[in-house]
Amino acid sequence: MSTSLVLETSLPGLPVRRGKVRDIYDLGDRVLLVSTDRISAFDWILPTGIPDKGRVLTQIAAFWFDVLGEPCHLITTDVARMGLPEGTDLQQLEGRSTLGRKTTVVPIECVVRGYLAGSGWKEYQQRGTVCGLPLPAGLTESSRLPEPIFTPSTKAVEGHDENITFERMAELIGRELAEELRRRSLRIFQRGSEYARQRGIIIADTKFEFGRVGDELLLIDEVMTPDSSRFWPADQYQPGRGQPSFDKQFVRDWLSSTDWDKNSPPPSLPDEIVTKTRHKYIEAYERLTDRVFL
C-alpha cells in the first residue's frame, strides 16, 4: 500500500483554479478535476494534508458513478487516456484525477439527509424543523428520519453555503428544474445508502451537484465520498449521541478539542490524527468497494 502526499499539482501551459481540495483545469469542452490531499474544516484549508486522501476520494466517486449508472460527467479516470499536455507528470495525477465533460453548473448544493445530525440537529433542537421542514417531536441526535429529506443550500464561491427552502430554490433556478433535482437526489441517495448499509456503512447525509450540457442534466463532481457525506459505522450506531465516523468529522472533533478560535489560521494536525484519518478514509473505501486500496 503506497503512502503519498500531493498538496498542489501543475500541468504545463494550463492555468489552474484551486478549490479547498481540488485543482481544476479547463480543457475546453472537458475539465480535469484533481483531488489533492488537502483537507478543510470550518471553512479553512488546514496546513497539514492527509496522505492518499485524494486518491481515496477519486476512486470512491468513480466506484459510485459506475454502480449507480446515473447520467454523469465522467469520461475517464485513466490518466494515460486523457490526452494531457506533453511533459505532464502523470505520476502526480495517477489515481486522483477525473476527466469529465464541462457543464454549466447548477448553483445549488442538493443535500439529502437520512439522519438527524450537524446543522440539522441544531435547528431541530431550536424549532423542531430542518431547513424549515417540520419533523416529528421526540427525535434525538443521530435519529433516523422517517424518510430521507431534501434540504438544498446555495453553492457559495467563497464562505459558507446557506441552507434554503425548496421554494427559495425554485425561485432561484425554476420550479421544473428544482423538482427534477429533488427527485433525482432522493433516488440516488436511497440507492446509494441501501448499498452502503449492506457493507456496514450508514450514509447519514450527503450532497450532490449537477450540471447541464445542452438539455442533459448530469451528476458531477464527487458522489457520496467521506468528504461530501457523513459516513458512520453501522455496527457502532447508537441514536442519542454523536457517532464515530469515517469522514473528516474526526478532524473537526480534534480541532474542536483545541483552543483554536476558528477565526484565525488553524493549527497543524498531529501525526497521530493524520495517520488515523488516513486509515478511516481507506477503511471506508475498502468496505464500500470490497477492494484493497493500493
Protein backbone atom coordinates (compact mmCIF):
# COMPACT_ATOMS: atom_id res chain seq x y z
CA MET A 1 0.00 0.00 0.00
CA SER A 2 1.53 3.32 -1.04
CA THR A 3 1.65 6.44 1.08
CA SER A 4 1.85 9.63 -0.96
CA LEU A 5 1.12 13.29 -0.28
CA VAL A 6 0.14 15.72 -3.05
CA LEU A 7 -0.96 19.18 -1.94
CA GLU A 8 -0.73 21.01 -5.29
CA THR A 9 -0.49 19.96 -8.92
CA SER A 10 0.57 21.68 -12.11
CA LEU A 11 0.11 20.93 -15.80
CA PRO A 12 2.40 22.62 -18.34
CA GLY A 13 0.76 25.58 -20.03
CA LEU A 14 -2.59 25.22 -18.26
CA PRO A 15 -3.94 27.66 -15.66
CA VAL A 16 -5.36 26.08 -12.54
CA ARG A 17 -8.18 27.04 -10.20
CA ARG A 18 -7.63 25.66 -6.74
CA GLY A 19 -10.60 24.81 -4.58
CA LYS A 20 -10.35 23.73 -0.98
CA VAL A 21 -9.48 20.19 -2.04
CA ARG A 22 -9.42 20.02 -5.85
CA ASP A 23 -7.22 21.52 -8.51
CA ILE A 24 -9.36 22.22 -11.59
CA TYR A 25 -8.05 22.52 -15.14
CA ASP A 26 -10.09 23.80 -18.09
CA LEU A 27 -9.52 21.66 -21.19
CA GLY A 28 -12.05 23.31 -23.48
CA ASP A 29 -15.16 21.13 -23.59
CA ARG A 30 -13.69 18.95 -20.84
CA VAL A 31 -12.49 19.58 -17.32
CA LEU A 32 -9.80 17.83 -15.29
CA LEU A 33 -10.51 17.51 -11.57
CA VAL A 34 -7.51 16.54 -9.46
CA SER A 35 -8.23 15.61 -5.84
CA THR A 36 -5.26 16.67 -3.74
CA ASP A 37 -4.52 15.60 -0.19
CA ARG A 38 -5.57 18.94 1.22
CA ILE A 39 -8.24 18.79 3.91
CA SER A 40 -10.56 21.57 5.02
CA ALA A 41 -12.59 22.12 8.15
CA PHE A 42 -14.70 25.03 9.38
CA ASP A 43 -14.09 26.76 6.01
CA TRP A 44 -10.30 26.68 6.46
CA ILE A 45 -7.77 24.67 4.48
CA LEU A 46 -5.64 23.00 7.11
CA PRO A 47 -1.85 23.32 6.94
CA THR A 48 -1.47 19.53 7.19
CA GLY A 49 -2.52 17.17 4.41
CA ILE A 50 -3.78 13.60 4.67
CA PRO A 51 -1.63 11.24 2.54
CA ASP A 52 -3.57 9.43 -0.22
CA LYS A 53 -6.84 11.19 0.68
CA GLY A 54 -7.32 12.49 -2.86
CA ARG A 55 -6.77 9.05 -4.33
CA VAL A 56 -9.35 7.55 -1.98
CA LEU A 57 -11.95 10.22 -2.81
CA THR A 58 -11.44 9.91 -6.57
CA GLN A 59 -11.72 6.13 -6.50
CA ILE A 60 -14.82 6.12 -4.28
CA ALA A 61 -16.53 8.62 -6.58
CA ALA A 62 -15.58 6.58 -9.68
CA PHE A 63 -16.96 3.48 -7.98
CA TRP A 64 -20.30 5.18 -7.30
CA PHE A 65 -20.55 6.59 -10.84
CA ASP A 66 -20.17 3.03 -12.10
CA VAL A 67 -22.54 1.38 -9.60
CA LEU A 68 -25.29 3.99 -9.83
CA GLY A 69 -25.33 4.21 -13.62
CA GLU A 70 -26.60 7.81 -13.46
CA PRO A 71 -26.04 10.19 -16.37
CA CYS A 72 -22.82 11.89 -15.23
CA HIS A 73 -19.86 13.95 -16.35
CA LEU A 74 -17.26 11.18 -16.04
CA ILE A 75 -15.19 10.38 -19.13
CA THR A 76 -12.24 8.52 -17.60
CA THR A 77 -10.02 8.27 -14.53
CA ASP A 78 -7.18 6.70 -16.55
CA VAL A 79 -4.55 9.43 -16.91
CA ALA A 80 -2.99 7.64 -19.90
CA ARG A 81 -6.23 8.18 -21.86
CA MET A 82 -6.75 11.85 -21.00
CA GLY A 83 -4.65 13.40 -23.78
CA LEU A 84 -2.86 15.71 -21.35
CA PRO A 85 -0.15 18.15 -22.49
CA GLU A 86 3.27 16.77 -23.32
CA GLY A 87 5.54 16.94 -20.30
CA THR A 88 2.75 16.39 -17.77
CA ASP A 89 3.92 14.48 -14.71
CA LEU A 90 1.37 11.67 -14.87
CA GLN A 91 2.64 10.10 -11.65
CA GLN A 92 1.35 13.01 -9.55
CA LEU A 93 -2.08 12.62 -11.18
CA GLU A 94 -2.38 8.83 -11.08
CA GLY A 95 -5.40 7.60 -9.13
CA ARG A 96 -6.54 11.07 -8.13
CA SER A 97 -7.75 12.57 -11.42
CA THR A 98 -11.12 12.66 -13.15
CA LEU A 99 -11.62 13.81 -16.72
CA GLY A 100 -15.19 14.97 -17.16
CA ARG A 101 -17.44 16.79 -19.57
CA LYS A 102 -17.58 20.51 -18.90
CA THR A 103 -21.04 21.55 -17.75
CA THR A 104 -22.93 24.64 -16.78
CA VAL A 105 -23.09 24.03 -13.04
CA VAL A 106 -26.45 24.40 -11.31
CA PRO A 107 -25.69 26.78 -8.40
CA ILE A 108 -27.37 24.60 -5.76
CA GLU A 109 -25.98 22.03 -3.34
CA CYS A 110 -28.51 19.18 -3.40
CA VAL A 111 -28.35 17.95 0.20
CA VAL A 112 -30.20 14.81 1.30
CA ARG A 113 -30.46 13.85 4.96
CA GLY A 114 -31.42 10.43 6.24
CA TYR A 115 -30.45 11.05 9.86
CA LEU A 116 -30.54 14.00 12.25
CA ALA A 117 -27.02 15.41 12.59
CA GLY A 118 -24.93 18.53 12.22
CA SER A 119 -26.74 21.79 11.46
CA GLY A 120 -29.99 19.85 11.04
CA TRP A 121 -29.83 18.60 14.63
CA LYS A 122 -29.10 22.14 15.89
CA GLU A 123 -32.10 23.57 14.04
CA TYR A 124 -34.36 20.75 15.19
CA GLN A 125 -33.47 21.43 18.83
CA GLN A 126 -34.45 25.06 18.40
CA ARG A 127 -37.52 24.84 16.17
CA GLY A 128 -38.43 21.21 15.52
CA THR A 129 -37.56 21.65 11.84
CA VAL A 130 -34.69 21.04 9.43
CA CYS A 131 -34.31 23.70 6.76
CA GLY A 132 -37.89 24.72 7.53
CA LEU A 133 -39.29 21.20 7.13
CA PRO A 134 -41.26 20.12 10.24
CA LEU A 135 -40.19 16.81 11.78
CA PRO A 136 -41.87 14.59 14.40
CA ALA A 137 -41.35 15.51 18.04
CA GLY A 138 -39.11 13.44 20.27
CA LEU A 139 -36.21 12.78 17.89
CA THR A 140 -32.71 12.68 19.37
CA GLU A 141 -29.28 13.39 17.94
CA SER A 142 -28.46 10.92 15.13
CA SER A 143 -32.06 9.64 14.94
CA ARG A 144 -33.00 8.03 11.66
CA LEU A 145 -35.60 10.20 9.94
CA PRO A 146 -38.97 8.68 8.96
CA GLU A 147 -37.83 9.13 5.36
CA PRO A 148 -34.93 10.98 3.73
CA ILE A 149 -35.47 14.71 3.24
CA PHE A 150 -34.17 17.08 0.58
CA THR A 151 -32.65 20.25 2.07
CA PRO A 152 -30.92 22.37 -0.58
CA SER A 153 -28.36 25.07 0.02
CA THR A 154 -26.77 27.80 -2.03
CA LYS A 155 -23.45 26.95 -3.64
CA ALA A 156 -21.15 29.69 -2.35
CA VAL A 157 -18.00 30.54 -4.29
CA GLU A 158 -16.50 31.86 -1.05
CA GLY A 159 -17.54 31.48 2.57
CA HIS A 160 -20.45 29.42 3.86
CA ASP A 161 -23.14 27.71 1.83
CA GLU A 162 -26.55 28.82 3.09
CA ASN A 163 -29.44 26.44 3.75
CA ILE A 164 -32.54 27.47 1.81
CA THR A 165 -36.08 26.19 1.45
CA PHE A 166 -37.23 24.27 -1.58
CA GLU A 167 -39.47 27.22 -2.51
CA ARG A 168 -36.45 29.53 -2.50
CA MET A 169 -34.56 27.03 -4.65
CA ALA A 170 -37.46 27.02 -7.14
CA GLU A 171 -37.35 30.82 -7.25
CA LEU A 172 -33.60 30.75 -8.00
CA ILE A 173 -33.47 28.09 -10.73
CA GLY A 174 -37.08 27.44 -11.76
CA ARG A 175 -39.62 25.00 -10.38
CA GLU A 176 -39.29 22.34 -13.06
CA LEU A 177 -35.53 22.03 -12.59
CA ALA A 178 -35.87 22.21 -8.80
CA GLU A 179 -38.36 19.33 -8.77
CA GLU A 180 -36.16 17.24 -11.07
CA LEU A 181 -33.12 17.80 -8.84
CA ARG A 182 -35.08 16.86 -5.73
CA ARG A 183 -36.42 13.70 -7.36
CA ARG A 184 -33.04 12.57 -8.65
CA SER A 185 -31.19 13.43 -5.44
CA LEU A 186 -33.59 11.43 -3.28
CA ARG A 187 -33.45 8.49 -5.70
CA ILE A 188 -29.64 8.44 -5.80
CA PHE A 189 -29.40 8.75 -2.03
CA GLN A 190 -31.85 5.91 -1.49
CA ARG A 191 -29.97 3.58 -3.80
CA GLY A 192 -26.55 4.54 -2.52
CA SER A 193 -27.41 4.42 1.17
CA GLU A 194 -29.02 0.97 0.80
CA TYR A 195 -25.91 -0.31 -0.99
CA ALA A 196 -23.60 1.15 1.67
CA ARG A 197 -25.67 -0.23 4.54
CA GLN A 198 -25.17 -3.75 3.17
CA ARG A 199 -21.44 -3.10 3.55
CA GLY A 200 -21.59 -1.82 7.10
CA ILE A 201 -21.71 1.93 6.41
CA ILE A 202 -24.53 4.31 7.23
CA ILE A 203 -24.60 7.34 4.94
CA ALA A 204 -26.29 9.79 7.27
CA ASP A 205 -26.40 12.64 4.77
CA THR A 206 -24.71 13.73 1.59
CA LYS A 207 -24.69 16.42 -1.06
CA PHE A 208 -24.87 16.14 -4.83
CA GLU A 209 -24.02 18.59 -7.56
CA PHE A 210 -25.45 18.72 -11.06
CA GLY A 211 -24.55 20.45 -14.28
CA ARG A 212 -26.04 20.85 -17.73
CA VAL A 213 -24.72 20.12 -21.19
CA GLY A 214 -27.43 21.29 -23.53
CA ASP A 215 -30.61 19.50 -22.43
CA GLU A 216 -28.74 16.87 -20.41
CA LEU A 217 -28.68 17.13 -16.63
CA LEU A 218 -25.57 15.36 -15.35
CA LEU A 219 -24.37 14.30 -11.92
CA ILE A 220 -20.96 15.97 -11.47
CA ASP A 221 -18.06 16.49 -9.09
CA GLU A 222 -17.93 13.76 -6.43
CA VAL A 223 -20.55 11.29 -5.23
CA MET A 224 -21.07 10.02 -1.68
CA THR A 225 -17.48 10.27 -0.52
CA PRO A 226 -16.30 10.82 3.06
CA ASP A 227 -15.75 14.49 2.15
CA SER A 228 -19.28 15.12 0.86
CA SER A 229 -21.13 12.86 3.31
CA ARG A 230 -21.34 11.66 6.87
CA PHE A 231 -20.21 8.03 6.94
CA TRP A 232 -20.96 6.11 10.15
CA PRO A 233 -20.02 2.51 11.00
CA ALA A 234 -23.34 0.65 11.19
CA ASP A 235 -22.16 -1.74 13.89
CA GLN A 236 -21.50 1.19 16.27
CA TYR A 237 -24.65 3.19 15.53
CA GLN A 238 -26.50 4.37 18.61
CA PRO A 239 -29.03 7.23 18.44
CA GLY A 240 -28.95 9.87 21.16
CA ARG A 241 -25.33 10.87 20.67
CA GLY A 242 -22.79 11.84 18.05
CA GLN A 243 -21.47 8.90 16.03
CA PRO A 244 -17.97 7.67 15.27
CA SER A 245 -17.29 8.30 11.62
CA PHE A 246 -15.17 7.51 8.59
CA ASP A 247 -15.28 11.10 7.38
CA LYS A 248 -13.48 14.27 8.35
CA GLN A 249 -15.69 14.74 11.40
CA PHE A 250 -12.78 13.03 13.17
CA VAL A 251 -10.58 16.00 12.26
CA ARG A 252 -13.31 18.51 13.18
CA ASP A 253 -13.66 16.87 16.59
CA TRP A 254 -9.92 17.12 17.24
CA LEU A 255 -9.86 20.78 16.19
CA SER A 256 -12.82 21.50 18.47
CA SER A 257 -10.92 19.96 21.40
CA THR A 258 -8.12 22.53 20.99
CA ASP A 259 -8.18 26.22 21.88
CA TRP A 260 -8.34 27.25 18.21
CA ASP A 261 -10.92 30.05 17.77
CA LYS A 262 -11.89 29.07 14.17
CA ASN A 263 -11.32 32.70 13.11
CA SER A 264 -7.53 32.58 12.76
CA PRO A 265 -5.26 30.22 10.80
CA PRO A 266 -5.77 26.67 12.07
CA PRO A 267 -3.13 24.59 13.83
CA SER A 268 -1.24 21.73 12.25
CA LEU A 269 -2.60 18.25 12.81
CA PRO A 270 -0.57 15.87 14.99
CA ASP A 271 0.92 12.83 13.27
CA GLU A 272 -1.47 10.56 15.18
CA ILE A 273 -4.54 12.40 13.85
CA VAL A 274 -3.14 12.35 10.30
CA THR A 275 -2.49 8.60 10.46
CA LYS A 276 -5.89 7.77 11.97
CA THR A 277 -7.71 9.97 9.46
CA ARG A 278 -5.91 8.32 6.54
CA HIS A 279 -6.87 4.91 7.87
CA LYS A 280 -10.52 5.95 8.23
CA TYR A 281 -10.73 7.11 4.61
CA ILE A 282 -9.11 3.91 3.38
CA GLU A 283 -11.37 1.73 5.53
CA ALA A 284 -14.41 3.48 4.04
CA TYR A 285 -13.13 2.74 0.53
CA GLU A 286 -12.39 -0.90 1.28
CA ARG A 287 -15.74 -1.52 2.98
CA LEU A 288 -17.73 0.09 0.17
CA THR A 289 -15.89 -1.43 -2.76
CA ASP A 290 -14.74 -4.74 -1.29
CA ARG A 291 -11.34 -3.94 -2.81
CA VAL A 292 -7.92 -3.49 -1.23
CA PHE A 293 -6.66 0.09 -1.52
CA LEU A 294 -3.33 0.12 -3.37
